[in-house]
Amino acid sequence: MATAELLIPILKPILPYIPLLPTPVLSLFPSLLLHLTTHPAPSSTSFVSASTTHPLHAPLLFTILSIPVIYTLGLISGNVSWVDRLWPFYTPFCTGLLVIWVFVNDEGAVYGHNIPRVGLMWGLQLLWSMRLLSHALKRDFYNLKSEDYRYTVFRSLVPRPIFSLVHIFVIAIAQPILLFSLSLPIYAIMSLPPSELASISRYGISFGFISPYLPARYRSSAPGGTVVLNLADLIVALLAIGCLIMECKADSQMYDFQSTKHKLIKTLPKDKLVHPPQPQPQPQPSPTQSKSKLPQLTVYPPSHHPGFPTKGIWRLSRHPNFASEQLFWVTQALFVVAGSDSSGVTRRGDACVWAPCFALSILFCASTFLTEWITSRKFPVYRSYRRLVGQFLPQETFWIWLVGSITGYRKKHLEIVYGPMEQIDMQKRKKGQ
């Protein structure tokens, strides 16, 4: 009774907003409770196949259960990178739970016409997963003692209570919810009725062509002439594959650059390495910050000036891998546009289709801000590099070039960033002659 009296004042302001929550969230626990109390032998399979189970119930339940596990592992180990290790698997797994619902639940039979597009989107997610997993394994990211260096630096910058709040709300809660939400465009496509599919018939594949390859219960979900894949799907799929290729290229180039740089740092004499000058004035750490844990000036071999990649794709974007990652998830939303008419997109709302990829971009922007702050402390030349190259997209670089050319500051920063390497290249050419 005393507990209820304490909780009522806290919950009372929230109660009017509860009906605004999405239907799957509101119905999850009543549906689960009903199943556990009425089914003679409740199990995960019987829950997914129950008539009261929404397609999003299983992914939601997985996310709700994963949050305390991720947080507890971080507390026990003192390492908060547990959610990062789940990134390659989390969203494809949530999508897989949606697909399982379609094949296990009797209600899924009415969505047979959307299986081809769902399969295409899920296939691209699995390619994305394999790419990210391969890169993570190459970097030894599944070593349980390793932690993302940004967490380590951020921990040294803020008081412990602040980091604890970030651990709870940003790392343990927000990121699993974000990864779950990235599967929502597939749900939006999966639940489209035939009448709301895009009516582009030219260069499209009809349901009549696909249906013989589907189980019998799905063959009557739409008329045979319904277009289930069209030219727009092909274009979006090619864009998604292009993003994955760019990510592979950027990650590979960065890995090779850093590997050879650190190998040379270990083998070259100290007097053969470049020691960046101390920038003036040097910001002093606050009383809550440990100076020894803050990023320090870092030496590098002359062949790797200015300590980070600046050539090729890195001359167009400071973070081509991050840009490609964000654009890949935009393509998942574009499949909804390609596959449905305007009423289909509107009925599901922008939140379901576009909010996940934009939420991911917000996370990347915050993460990139910290990454660039760390890099600029290690390599002061990075400040000049930022005056030459855009953060993500080549369009940013164009505007920076235009402003720099008009104001005249571009020449100075070009000399700082690229001048030493041009001298080395010139010396190599002279030796080769």
Protein backbone atom coordinates (compact mmCIF):
# COMPACT_ATOMS: atom_id res chain seq x y z
CA MET A 1 0.00 0.00 0.00
CA ALA A 2 2.82 2.37 0.93
CA THR A 3 4.62 1.55 -2.32
CA ALA A 4 1.48 2.35 -4.33
CA GLU A 5 1.13 5.69 -2.56
CA LEU A 6 4.71 6.55 -3.53
CA LEU A 7 4.30 5.47 -7.16
CA ILE A 8 0.98 7.19 -7.90
CA PRO A 9 2.38 10.78 -7.79
CA ILE A 10 5.22 9.69 -10.10
CA LEU A 11 3.00 7.88 -12.61
CA LYS A 12 0.08 10.33 -12.62
CA PRO A 13 1.72 12.89 -15.00
CA ILE A 14 2.64 10.06 -17.39
CA LEU A 15 -0.78 8.36 -17.57
CA PRO A 16 -2.38 10.78 -20.12
CA TYR A 17 0.43 10.04 -22.59
CA ILE A 18 0.31 6.25 -22.39
CA PRO A 19 -2.42 5.93 -25.08
CA LEU A 20 -0.08 7.75 -27.48
CA LEU A 21 2.36 4.83 -27.41
CA PRO A 22 2.41 2.59 -30.51
CA THR A 23 -0.07 -0.31 -30.48
CA PRO A 24 2.65 -3.03 -30.40
CA VAL A 25 4.12 -1.48 -27.24
CA LEU A 26 0.74 -1.17 -25.51
CA SER A 27 -0.36 -4.69 -26.42
CA LEU A 28 2.91 -6.55 -25.78
CA PHE A 29 2.54 -7.35 -22.08
CA PRO A 30 -1.24 -8.03 -22.15
CA SER A 31 -0.66 -10.39 -25.07
CA LEU A 32 2.25 -12.11 -23.32
CA LEU A 33 0.31 -12.42 -20.05
CA LEU A 34 -2.73 -13.81 -21.85
CA HIS A 35 -0.58 -16.39 -23.63
CA LEU A 36 1.26 -17.47 -20.47
CA THR A 37 -1.98 -17.90 -18.51
CA THR A 38 -4.14 -19.59 -21.17
CA HIS A 39 -1.81 -21.72 -23.29
CA PRO A 40 -1.34 -25.29 -21.97
CA ALA A 41 2.38 -25.36 -22.88
CA PRO A 42 3.62 -21.79 -23.52
CA SER A 43 6.87 -21.41 -25.45
CA SER A 44 8.56 -18.86 -27.69
CA THR A 45 7.21 -20.63 -30.79
CA SER A 46 3.65 -20.82 -29.47
CA PHE A 47 3.79 -17.13 -28.50
CA VAL A 48 4.92 -16.04 -31.99
CA SER A 49 2.23 -18.19 -33.62
CA ALA A 50 -0.58 -16.98 -31.31
CA SER A 51 -3.37 -14.96 -32.91
CA THR A 52 -2.93 -12.16 -30.34
CA THR A 53 0.78 -11.71 -31.12
CA HIS A 54 1.72 -8.66 -33.18
CA PRO A 55 4.63 -9.00 -35.67
CA LEU A 56 6.70 -6.55 -33.60
CA HIS A 57 6.10 -8.26 -30.26
CA ALA A 58 9.05 -10.67 -30.53
CA PRO A 59 11.61 -8.00 -31.56
CA LEU A 60 10.27 -5.68 -28.84
CA LEU A 61 10.51 -8.40 -26.19
CA PHE A 62 14.05 -9.25 -27.30
CA THR A 63 15.02 -5.57 -26.98
CA ILE A 64 13.41 -5.18 -23.54
CA LEU A 65 15.27 -8.28 -22.29
CA SER A 66 18.60 -7.29 -23.85
CA ILE A 67 18.75 -3.86 -22.18
CA PRO A 68 19.31 -5.09 -18.57
CA VAL A 69 21.73 -7.77 -19.81
CA ILE A 70 23.86 -5.20 -21.68
CA TYR A 71 23.82 -2.83 -18.71
CA THR A 72 24.68 -5.54 -16.16
CA LEU A 73 27.58 -6.86 -18.26
CA GLY A 74 28.94 -3.32 -18.48
CA LEU A 75 28.73 -2.89 -14.70
CA ILE A 76 30.34 -6.24 -13.90
CA SER A 77 33.18 -5.96 -16.41
CA GLY A 78 33.78 -2.20 -16.26
CA ASN A 79 33.69 -2.34 -20.07
CA VAL A 80 30.70 -0.66 -21.73
CA SER A 81 31.32 -1.90 -25.30
CA TRP A 82 28.95 -4.86 -25.02
CA VAL A 83 26.27 -3.28 -27.19
CA ASP A 84 28.91 -2.50 -29.83
CA ARG A 85 29.64 -6.22 -30.14
CA LEU A 86 25.94 -6.79 -30.90
CA TRP A 87 25.77 -4.20 -33.71
CA PRO A 88 26.45 -6.62 -36.61
CA PHE A 89 23.71 -9.00 -35.45
CA TYR A 90 21.03 -6.98 -33.70
CA THR A 91 18.99 -5.44 -36.52
CA PRO A 92 19.17 -8.48 -38.86
CA PHE A 93 18.07 -10.64 -35.91
CA CYS A 94 15.07 -8.37 -35.22
CA THR A 95 14.20 -8.54 -38.91
CA GLY A 96 14.56 -12.32 -38.74
CA LEU A 97 11.98 -12.39 -35.94
CA LEU A 98 9.59 -10.47 -38.21
CA VAL A 99 10.16 -12.99 -41.00
CA ILE A 100 9.60 -15.88 -38.58
CA TRP A 101 6.26 -14.34 -37.60
CA VAL A 102 5.20 -14.26 -41.27
CA PHE A 103 5.99 -17.96 -41.69
CA VAL A 104 4.80 -19.22 -38.28
CA ASN A 105 1.73 -17.11 -37.54
CA ASP A 106 -1.48 -17.84 -39.46
CA GLU A 107 -2.05 -14.09 -39.87
CA GLY A 108 1.17 -13.92 -41.89
CA ALA A 109 -0.49 -15.60 -44.87
CA VAL A 110 -2.05 -12.29 -45.97
CA TYR A 111 1.42 -10.76 -46.47
CA GLY A 112 2.75 -13.28 -48.98
CA HIS A 113 2.95 -10.66 -51.75
CA ASN A 114 5.50 -8.69 -49.69
CA ILE A 115 7.90 -11.59 -49.11
CA PRO A 116 10.08 -10.80 -52.21
CA ARG A 117 10.74 -7.20 -51.14
CA VAL A 118 11.20 -8.18 -47.48
CA GLY A 119 13.65 -10.87 -48.60
CA LEU A 120 15.60 -8.33 -50.68
CA MET A 121 15.83 -5.86 -47.79
CA TRP A 122 16.78 -8.57 -45.29
CA GLY A 123 19.39 -9.93 -47.70
CA LEU A 124 21.01 -6.49 -47.88
CA GLN A 125 20.96 -6.30 -44.07
CA LEU A 126 22.76 -9.65 -43.91
CA LEU A 127 25.41 -8.38 -46.36
CA TRP A 128 25.81 -5.32 -44.14
CA SER A 129 26.11 -7.61 -41.11
CA MET A 130 28.84 -9.73 -42.73
CA ARG A 131 30.80 -6.63 -43.72
CA LEU A 132 30.65 -5.14 -40.23
CA LEU A 133 31.43 -8.46 -38.54
CA SER A 134 34.43 -9.04 -40.81
CA HIS A 135 35.82 -5.60 -39.98
CA ALA A 136 35.16 -6.06 -36.25
CA LEU A 137 36.98 -9.42 -36.24
CA LYS A 138 39.92 -7.91 -38.13
CA ARG A 139 40.21 -5.23 -35.43
CA ASP A 140 40.01 -7.85 -32.64
CA PHE A 141 36.87 -6.13 -31.40
CA TYR A 142 35.52 -9.32 -29.82
CA ASN A 143 38.39 -9.46 -27.38
CA LEU A 144 36.40 -9.09 -24.16
CA LYS A 145 39.04 -6.77 -22.71
CA SER A 146 38.81 -4.29 -25.58
CA GLU A 147 36.65 -1.18 -25.28
CA ASP A 148 35.90 1.50 -27.84
CA TYR A 149 38.57 4.16 -27.28
CA ARG A 150 35.91 6.90 -27.34
CA TYR A 151 34.27 5.47 -24.22
CA THR A 152 37.66 5.39 -22.49
CA VAL A 153 38.36 9.03 -23.36
CA PHE A 154 34.83 10.19 -22.50
CA ARG A 155 35.06 8.44 -19.11
CA SER A 156 38.17 10.51 -18.34
CA LEU A 157 36.47 13.77 -19.41
CA VAL A 158 33.33 13.71 -17.26
CA PRO A 159 32.52 13.01 -13.60
CA ARG A 160 31.65 9.42 -12.78
CA PRO A 161 27.90 10.10 -12.18
CA ILE A 162 27.62 11.67 -15.65
CA PHE A 163 29.29 8.68 -17.28
CA SER A 164 26.99 6.35 -15.33
CA LEU A 165 23.96 8.19 -16.75
CA VAL A 166 25.41 7.96 -20.27
CA HIS A 167 26.01 4.24 -19.71
CA ILE A 168 22.39 3.68 -18.68
CA PHE A 169 20.50 5.90 -21.09
CA VAL A 170 22.72 6.27 -24.18
CA ILE A 171 24.61 2.97 -24.30
CA ALA A 172 22.41 0.37 -22.59
CA ILE A 173 18.93 1.74 -23.45
CA ALA A 174 19.06 4.04 -26.48
CA GLN A 175 21.33 1.94 -28.69
CA PRO A 176 19.35 -1.33 -28.48
CA ILE A 177 16.14 0.64 -29.15
CA LEU A 178 17.83 2.32 -32.12
CA LEU A 179 19.05 -1.01 -33.52
CA PHE A 180 15.55 -2.46 -33.12
CA SER A 181 14.02 0.57 -34.85
CA LEU A 182 16.21 0.05 -37.92
CA SER A 183 14.06 -3.01 -38.70
CA LEU A 184 10.86 -0.89 -38.79
CA PRO A 185 11.07 -0.04 -42.53
CA ILE A 186 10.88 -3.78 -43.22
CA TYR A 187 7.81 -4.01 -40.99
CA ALA A 188 6.28 -1.09 -42.93
CA ILE A 189 6.85 -2.99 -46.19
CA MET A 190 5.77 -6.35 -44.80
CA SER A 191 2.36 -5.06 -43.68
CA LEU A 192 1.42 -3.27 -46.92
CA PRO A 193 -1.86 -4.53 -48.47
CA PRO A 194 -1.85 -5.11 -52.26
CA SER A 195 -3.93 -1.97 -52.84
CA GLU A 196 -1.14 0.21 -51.41
CA LEU A 197 1.75 -1.23 -53.41
CA ALA A 198 3.34 1.06 -55.99
CA SER A 199 1.53 0.79 -59.32
CA ILE A 200 4.70 0.93 -61.47
CA SER A 201 4.17 -2.04 -63.77
CA ARG A 202 6.88 -1.44 -66.36
CA TYR A 203 10.08 -3.44 -65.73
CA GLY A 204 8.41 -4.96 -62.65
CA ILE A 205 8.00 -8.52 -61.38
CA SER A 206 4.42 -9.60 -60.78
CA PHE A 207 3.12 -11.68 -57.90
CA GLY A 208 1.93 -14.24 -60.43
CA PHE A 209 5.56 -14.87 -61.40
CA ILE A 210 6.69 -15.23 -57.76
CA SER A 211 3.72 -17.05 -56.19
CA PRO A 212 4.48 -20.57 -57.56
CA TYR A 213 7.73 -20.52 -55.55
CA LEU A 214 5.96 -19.61 -52.30
CA PRO A 215 4.17 -22.00 -49.89
CA ALA A 216 0.54 -22.58 -50.91
CA ARG A 217 -0.99 -20.52 -48.10
CA TYR A 218 0.63 -17.30 -49.44
CA ARG A 219 -0.46 -17.63 -53.08
CA SER A 220 -3.85 -15.98 -52.63
CA SER A 221 -2.63 -12.91 -50.72
CA ALA A 222 -2.76 -10.70 -53.85
CA PRO A 223 -3.95 -10.79 -57.49
CA GLY A 224 -1.45 -12.31 -59.89
CA GLY A 225 -0.89 -9.01 -61.68
CA THR A 226 0.20 -7.16 -58.52
CA VAL A 227 3.73 -5.78 -58.96
CA VAL A 228 5.85 -6.97 -56.03
CA LEU A 229 9.26 -5.71 -57.24
CA ASN A 230 9.86 -2.82 -59.62
CA LEU A 231 12.66 -0.83 -61.23
CA ALA A 232 12.86 1.49 -58.23
CA ASP A 233 13.70 -1.52 -56.01
CA LEU A 234 16.62 -2.36 -58.31
CA ILE A 235 17.92 1.22 -58.18
CA VAL A 236 17.67 1.37 -54.38
CA ALA A 237 19.32 -2.06 -54.04
CA LEU A 238 22.23 -0.91 -56.23
CA LEU A 239 22.57 2.22 -54.08
CA ALA A 240 22.67 0.06 -50.95
CA ILE A 241 25.33 -2.23 -52.45
CA GLY A 242 27.32 0.84 -53.49
CA CYS A 243 27.22 2.06 -49.89
CA LEU A 244 28.48 -1.31 -48.64
CA ILE A 245 31.31 -1.32 -51.20
CA MET A 246 32.32 2.20 -50.15
CA GLU A 247 32.28 1.15 -46.49
CA CYS A 248 34.49 -1.85 -47.26
CA LYS A 249 36.92 0.32 -49.20
CA ALA A 250 37.07 3.04 -46.54
CA ASP A 251 37.46 0.60 -43.64
CA SER A 252 40.13 -1.37 -45.51
CA GLN A 253 42.12 1.76 -46.38
CA MET A 254 41.91 3.07 -42.81
CA TYR A 255 42.96 -0.30 -41.37
CA ASP A 256 45.93 -0.61 -43.76
CA PHE A 257 46.99 2.99 -43.08
CA GLN A 258 46.88 2.58 -39.31
CA SER A 259 48.53 -0.87 -39.36
CA THR A 260 51.53 0.25 -41.46
CA LYS A 261 51.79 3.51 -39.50
CA HIS A 262 52.01 1.76 -36.14
CA LYS A 263 54.44 -0.83 -37.54
CA LEU A 264 56.77 1.97 -38.72
CA ILE A 265 56.45 3.79 -35.39
CA LYS A 266 57.75 0.64 -33.66
CA THR A 267 60.63 0.05 -36.10
CA LEU A 268 61.90 3.54 -37.02
CA PRO A 269 64.30 5.45 -34.73
CA LYS A 270 62.65 8.24 -32.75
CA ASP A 271 64.58 10.93 -34.64
CA LYS A 272 63.09 9.64 -37.91
CA LEU A 273 59.53 10.16 -36.69
CA VAL A 274 57.50 13.36 -36.94
CA HIS A 275 56.79 14.93 -33.54
CA PRO A 276 53.80 17.29 -33.90
CA PRO A 277 54.42 20.71 -32.30
CA GLN A 278 52.45 21.59 -29.19
CA PRO A 279 49.57 23.89 -30.21
CA GLN A 280 49.27 27.20 -28.39
CA PRO A 281 47.44 27.87 -26.21
CA GLN A 282 47.07 24.33 -24.88
CA PRO A 283 43.71 23.82 -23.05
CA GLN A 284 44.13 22.73 -19.45
CA PRO A 285 42.16 19.79 -18.03
CA SER A 286 39.48 20.51 -15.46
CA PRO A 287 39.86 19.18 -11.89
CA THR A 288 37.65 16.18 -12.77
CA GLN A 289 39.83 15.21 -15.75
CA SER A 290 42.95 13.07 -15.61
CA LYS A 291 45.62 14.66 -17.83
CA SER A 292 47.37 11.33 -18.35
CA LYS A 293 44.19 9.82 -19.84
CA LEU A 294 43.46 12.70 -22.20
CA PRO A 295 44.55 12.25 -25.84
CA GLN A 296 48.17 13.35 -26.23
CA LEU A 297 50.23 14.45 -29.23
CA THR A 298 51.16 11.36 -31.23
CA VAL A 299 54.24 10.76 -33.38
CA TYR A 300 53.98 9.34 -36.90
CA PRO A 301 56.35 8.38 -39.76
CA PRO A 302 56.91 11.04 -42.45
CA SER A 303 55.38 8.70 -45.05
CA HIS A 304 52.09 8.86 -43.16
CA HIS A 305 51.80 12.62 -42.78
CA PRO A 306 49.77 14.09 -41.17
CA GLY A 307 49.01 10.97 -39.09
CA PHE A 308 45.62 10.17 -40.66
CA PRO A 309 44.40 9.42 -44.23
CA THR A 310 43.97 12.44 -46.48
CA LYS A 311 44.22 11.01 -50.01
CA GLY A 312 41.74 9.36 -52.38
CA ILE A 313 38.23 9.20 -50.94
CA TRP A 314 39.53 10.94 -47.81
CA ARG A 315 40.04 14.04 -49.93
CA LEU A 316 36.27 14.17 -50.48
CA SER A 317 35.03 13.14 -47.03
CA ARG A 318 36.61 13.08 -43.58
CA HIS A 319 34.51 10.02 -42.70
CA PRO A 320 33.50 8.15 -45.88
CA ASN A 321 32.75 4.98 -43.90
CA PHE A 322 30.36 6.81 -41.55
CA ALA A 323 28.70 8.57 -44.48
CA SER A 324 28.16 5.27 -46.30
CA GLU A 325 26.81 3.63 -43.14
CA GLN A 326 24.18 6.34 -42.70
CA LEU A 327 23.22 6.28 -46.38
CA PHE A 328 22.82 2.49 -46.29
CA TRP A 329 20.06 2.79 -43.70
CA VAL A 330 18.47 5.61 -45.68
CA THR A 331 18.15 3.10 -48.55
CA GLN A 332 16.14 0.81 -46.27
CA ALA A 333 13.63 3.65 -45.86
CA LEU A 334 13.74 4.30 -49.61
CA PHE A 335 12.48 0.75 -50.22
CA VAL A 336 9.24 1.80 -48.51
CA VAL A 337 8.95 4.71 -50.93
CA ALA A 338 9.80 2.46 -53.88
CA GLY A 339 7.36 -0.24 -52.84
CA SER A 340 4.29 1.74 -51.82
CA ASP A 341 2.15 4.54 -53.14
CA SER A 342 1.98 7.82 -51.24
CA SER A 343 -0.96 6.70 -49.09
CA GLY A 344 0.97 3.63 -47.94
CA VAL A 345 3.88 5.72 -46.69
CA THR A 346 1.58 8.31 -45.10
CA ARG A 347 -0.57 5.73 -43.32
CA ARG A 348 2.46 4.26 -41.57
CA GLY A 349 3.80 7.68 -40.69
CA ASP A 350 7.24 9.14 -41.11
CA ALA A 351 8.31 7.88 -37.67
CA CYS A 352 8.22 4.25 -38.75
CA VAL A 353 10.00 4.85 -42.06
CA TRP A 354 12.40 7.78 -41.66
CA ALA A 355 12.97 8.28 -37.92
CA PRO A 356 15.30 5.25 -37.48
CA CYS A 357 17.86 6.35 -40.09
CA PHE A 358 17.78 9.96 -38.87
CA ALA A 359 18.19 8.83 -35.25
CA LEU A 360 21.22 6.85 -36.39
CA SER A 361 22.61 10.00 -38.02
CA ILE A 362 22.22 11.91 -34.74
CA LEU A 363 24.21 9.20 -32.95
CA PHE A 364 26.91 9.29 -35.64
CA CYS A 365 27.13 13.09 -35.49
CA ALA A 366 27.65 12.99 -31.71
CA SER A 367 30.17 10.16 -32.01
CA THR A 368 32.03 11.91 -34.83
CA PHE A 369 32.27 15.13 -32.80
CA LEU A 370 34.13 13.22 -30.06
CA THR A 371 36.24 11.31 -32.60
CA GLU A 372 37.39 14.53 -34.26
CA TRP A 373 38.15 16.20 -30.94
CA ILE A 374 40.39 13.24 -30.03
CA THR A 375 42.10 13.26 -33.44
CA SER A 376 42.75 17.01 -33.35
CA ARG A 377 44.46 16.63 -29.95
CA LYS A 378 46.69 13.86 -31.29
CA PHE A 379 47.38 15.52 -34.64
CA PRO A 380 46.97 19.34 -34.65
CA VAL A 381 47.08 19.35 -38.48
CA TYR A 382 43.57 17.87 -38.33
CA ARG A 383 42.27 21.39 -37.66
CA SER A 384 43.54 22.46 -41.09
CA TYR A 385 42.18 19.29 -42.68
CA ARG A 386 38.71 20.23 -41.41
CA ARG A 387 39.02 23.53 -43.28
CA LEU A 388 39.52 21.61 -46.55
CA VAL A 389 37.26 18.55 -46.44
CA GLY A 390 33.61 18.07 -45.43
CA GLN A 391 32.65 15.81 -42.56
CA PHE A 392 30.52 13.31 -44.46
CA LEU A 393 29.35 14.22 -47.96
CA PRO A 394 31.32 15.53 -50.98
CA GLN A 395 28.77 18.35 -51.22
CA GLU A 396 30.14 19.71 -47.93
CA THR A 397 33.65 19.58 -49.41
CA PHE A 398 32.49 21.54 -52.44
CA TRP A 399 31.07 24.36 -50.29
CA ILE A 400 34.22 24.41 -48.14
CA TRP A 401 36.30 24.62 -51.34
CA LEU A 402 34.13 27.45 -52.66
CA VAL A 403 34.29 29.50 -49.43
CA GLY A 404 38.01 28.79 -49.01
CA SER A 405 38.77 29.84 -52.58
CA ILE A 406 36.81 33.08 -52.25
CA THR A 407 38.26 34.06 -48.86
CA GLY A 408 41.79 32.89 -49.69
CA TYR A 409 42.43 30.72 -46.61
CA ARG A 410 42.45 27.47 -48.59
CA LYS A 411 46.03 27.81 -49.88
CA LYS A 412 47.51 28.00 -46.37
CA HIS A 413 45.69 24.89 -45.16
CA LEU A 414 46.56 22.95 -48.34
CA GLU A 415 50.23 23.60 -47.64
CA ILE A 416 49.90 22.45 -44.02
CA VAL A 417 48.03 19.23 -44.84
CA TYR A 418 49.47 18.17 -48.21
CA GLY A 419 52.75 20.13 -48.53
CA PRO A 420 55.06 17.66 -46.69
CA MET A 421 53.71 14.67 -48.64
CA GLU A 422 54.14 16.50 -51.94
CA GLN A 423 57.80 17.12 -51.04
CA ILE A 424 58.28 13.42 -50.24
CA ASP A 425 56.64 12.42 -53.53
CA MET A 426 58.88 14.86 -55.40
CA GLN A 427 62.00 13.38 -53.78
CA LYS A 428 60.85 9.87 -54.73
CA ARG A 429 60.37 10.95 -58.34
CA LYS A 430 63.85 12.48 -58.43
CA LYS A 431 65.39 9.26 -57.09
CA GLY A 432 63.49 7.25 -59.70
CA GLN A 433 64.83 9.33 -62.60
